[in-house]
């Protein structure tokens, strides 16, 4: 299964933490993300990455939160690649937030999702 890639392009922002809320497929509990890789970019240059992030999941009607501390540096693209899905092979997130001092700085910013990876445009 190709990774699903949420992309949040803030304009040269720095964030304190990334909050990822897993999905669950409501009553069926048949989907969710097990692990993902997180990347920050400035333009087309990679500036930071954290691979193998284990994502909280309970398979119930909740969206457990996983928090990743982000470095204090400038970036304009956040990329999340789902590397392993929970049972059923369907990964995803209910919500993704970039939090600074308790405020979601990604709120209202453009988001793109793709099931493919384009090496020419690594942030799309």
Protein backbone atom coordinates (compact mmCIF):
# COMPACT_ATOMS: atom_id res chain seq x y z
CA UNK A 1 0.00 0.00 0.00
CA UNK A 2 1.51 3.37 -0.98
CA UNK A 3 1.80 5.86 1.88
CA UNK A 4 -0.91 8.46 2.32
CA UNK A 5 0.75 11.83 2.67
CA UNK A 6 -0.87 14.75 4.46
CA UNK A 7 1.05 17.93 3.63
CA UNK A 8 0.68 21.17 5.58
CA UNK A 9 2.63 24.03 3.97
CA UNK A 10 2.87 26.86 6.51
CA UNK A 11 4.89 29.90 5.43
CA UNK A 12 8.30 29.50 7.10
CA UNK A 13 6.92 28.52 10.47
CA UNK A 14 8.46 26.85 13.45
CA UNK A 15 6.33 24.72 15.73
CA UNK A 16 6.79 23.33 19.18
CA UNK A 17 5.01 20.00 18.68
CA UNK A 18 3.25 17.98 16.03
CA UNK A 19 0.00 16.39 17.20
CA UNK A 20 -1.32 13.46 15.16
CA UNK A 21 -4.77 12.06 15.95
CA UNK A 22 -5.17 8.51 14.65
CA UNK A 23 -8.26 7.27 12.87
CA UNK A 24 -10.28 4.15 13.74
CA UNK A 25 -13.09 3.65 11.17
CA UNK A 26 -15.74 4.32 13.80
CA UNK A 27 -17.56 1.16 15.02
CA UNK A 28 -15.56 -1.20 12.81
CA UNK A 29 -12.13 -0.34 14.23
CA UNK A 30 -10.61 -1.59 10.99
CA UNK A 31 -8.15 1.15 10.09
CA UNK A 32 -5.52 3.38 11.58
CA UNK A 33 -1.85 4.22 11.38
CA UNK A 34 0.74 2.07 13.16
CA UNK A 35 3.96 3.89 12.18
CA UNK A 36 4.90 6.94 10.14
CA UNK A 37 7.87 9.06 9.13
CA UNK A 38 7.82 12.84 9.69
CA UNK A 39 9.77 15.29 7.52
CA UNK A 40 10.26 19.05 7.60
CA UNK A 41 11.42 20.93 4.50
CA UNK A 42 12.33 24.49 3.64
CA UNK A 43 11.75 24.93 -0.08
CA UNK A 44 12.93 21.65 -1.61
CA UNK A 45 15.61 21.11 1.05
CA UNK A 46 15.04 18.59 3.83
CA UNK A 47 15.83 20.23 7.19
CA UNK A 48 14.75 17.51 9.66
CA UNK A 49 13.25 14.03 9.81
CA UNK A 50 12.10 11.48 12.35
CA UNK A 51 11.48 7.98 11.06
CA UNK A 52 9.59 5.11 12.64
CA UNK A 53 7.22 7.16 14.81
CA UNK A 54 4.86 4.76 16.61
CA UNK A 55 1.33 6.16 16.46
CA UNK A 56 -1.11 5.59 19.35
CA UNK A 57 -4.18 3.55 18.37
CA UNK A 58 -6.87 1.74 20.30
CA UNK A 59 -9.28 0.58 17.55
CA UNK A 60 -12.23 2.08 19.41
CA UNK A 61 -14.33 5.17 18.83
CA UNK A 62 -11.60 7.55 19.86
CA UNK A 63 -8.76 9.32 18.11
CA UNK A 64 -5.68 8.79 20.30
CA UNK A 65 -3.07 11.53 20.09
CA UNK A 66 0.63 11.04 19.33
CA UNK A 67 2.94 13.99 20.00
CA UNK A 68 6.28 14.56 18.24
CA UNK A 69 8.56 17.35 19.46
CA UNK A 70 9.68 19.49 16.55
CA UNK A 71 13.06 21.23 16.43
CA UNK A 72 13.24 25.01 16.62
CA UNK A 73 14.02 25.71 12.98
CA UNK A 74 12.30 27.23 9.97
CA UNK A 75 10.34 25.08 7.53
CA UNK A 76 7.56 25.58 5.02
CA UNK A 77 6.43 21.99 4.50
CA UNK A 78 5.49 19.23 6.92
CA UNK A 79 5.29 15.79 5.32
CA UNK A 80 3.99 12.67 7.03
CA UNK A 81 4.40 9.30 5.33
CA UNK A 82 2.39 6.41 6.71
CA UNK A 83 4.82 3.50 6.69
CA UNK A 84 2.63 0.86 8.33
CA UNK A 85 -1.12 0.62 8.83
CA UNK A 86 -3.01 -1.08 11.64
CA UNK A 87 -5.01 -4.24 10.91
CA UNK A 88 -6.88 -4.15 7.63
CA UNK A 89 -4.07 -2.32 5.83
CA UNK A 90 -5.78 1.08 5.84
CA UNK A 91 -3.87 3.90 7.52
CA UNK A 92 -4.89 7.49 8.04
CA UNK A 93 -5.27 10.33 10.49
CA UNK A 94 -8.36 12.05 11.83
CA UNK A 95 -6.46 15.30 12.41
CA UNK A 96 -2.95 16.74 12.31
CA UNK A 97 -1.95 19.92 14.16
CA UNK A 98 1.28 21.90 14.53
CA UNK A 99 1.09 23.41 18.00
CA UNK A 100 3.02 26.42 19.27
CA UNK A 101 2.29 27.61 22.80
CA UNK A 102 -1.06 25.79 22.75
CA UNK A 103 -2.21 27.25 19.40
CA UNK A 104 -2.56 25.27 16.15
CA UNK A 105 -0.43 27.32 13.72
CA UNK A 106 -1.46 25.08 10.78
CA UNK A 107 -5.16 25.86 11.20
CA UNK A 108 -6.58 27.23 7.95
CA UNK A 109 -3.43 26.49 5.94
CA UNK A 110 -3.56 24.50 2.67
CA UNK A 111 -3.38 20.70 2.95
CA UNK A 112 -2.69 18.10 0.26
CA UNK A 113 -3.01 14.32 0.49
CA UNK A 114 -1.44 11.89 -1.96
CA UNK A 115 -1.02 8.13 -2.19
CA UNK A 116 2.11 8.55 -4.34
CA UNK A 117 5.58 9.96 -3.79
CA UNK A 118 7.09 12.18 -6.46
CA UNK A 119 10.89 12.46 -6.16
CA UNK A 120 10.84 15.61 -8.33
CA UNK A 121 8.47 17.33 -5.90
CA UNK A 122 9.25 15.55 -2.61
CA UNK A 123 6.81 17.66 -0.60
CA UNK A 124 3.79 16.84 -2.75
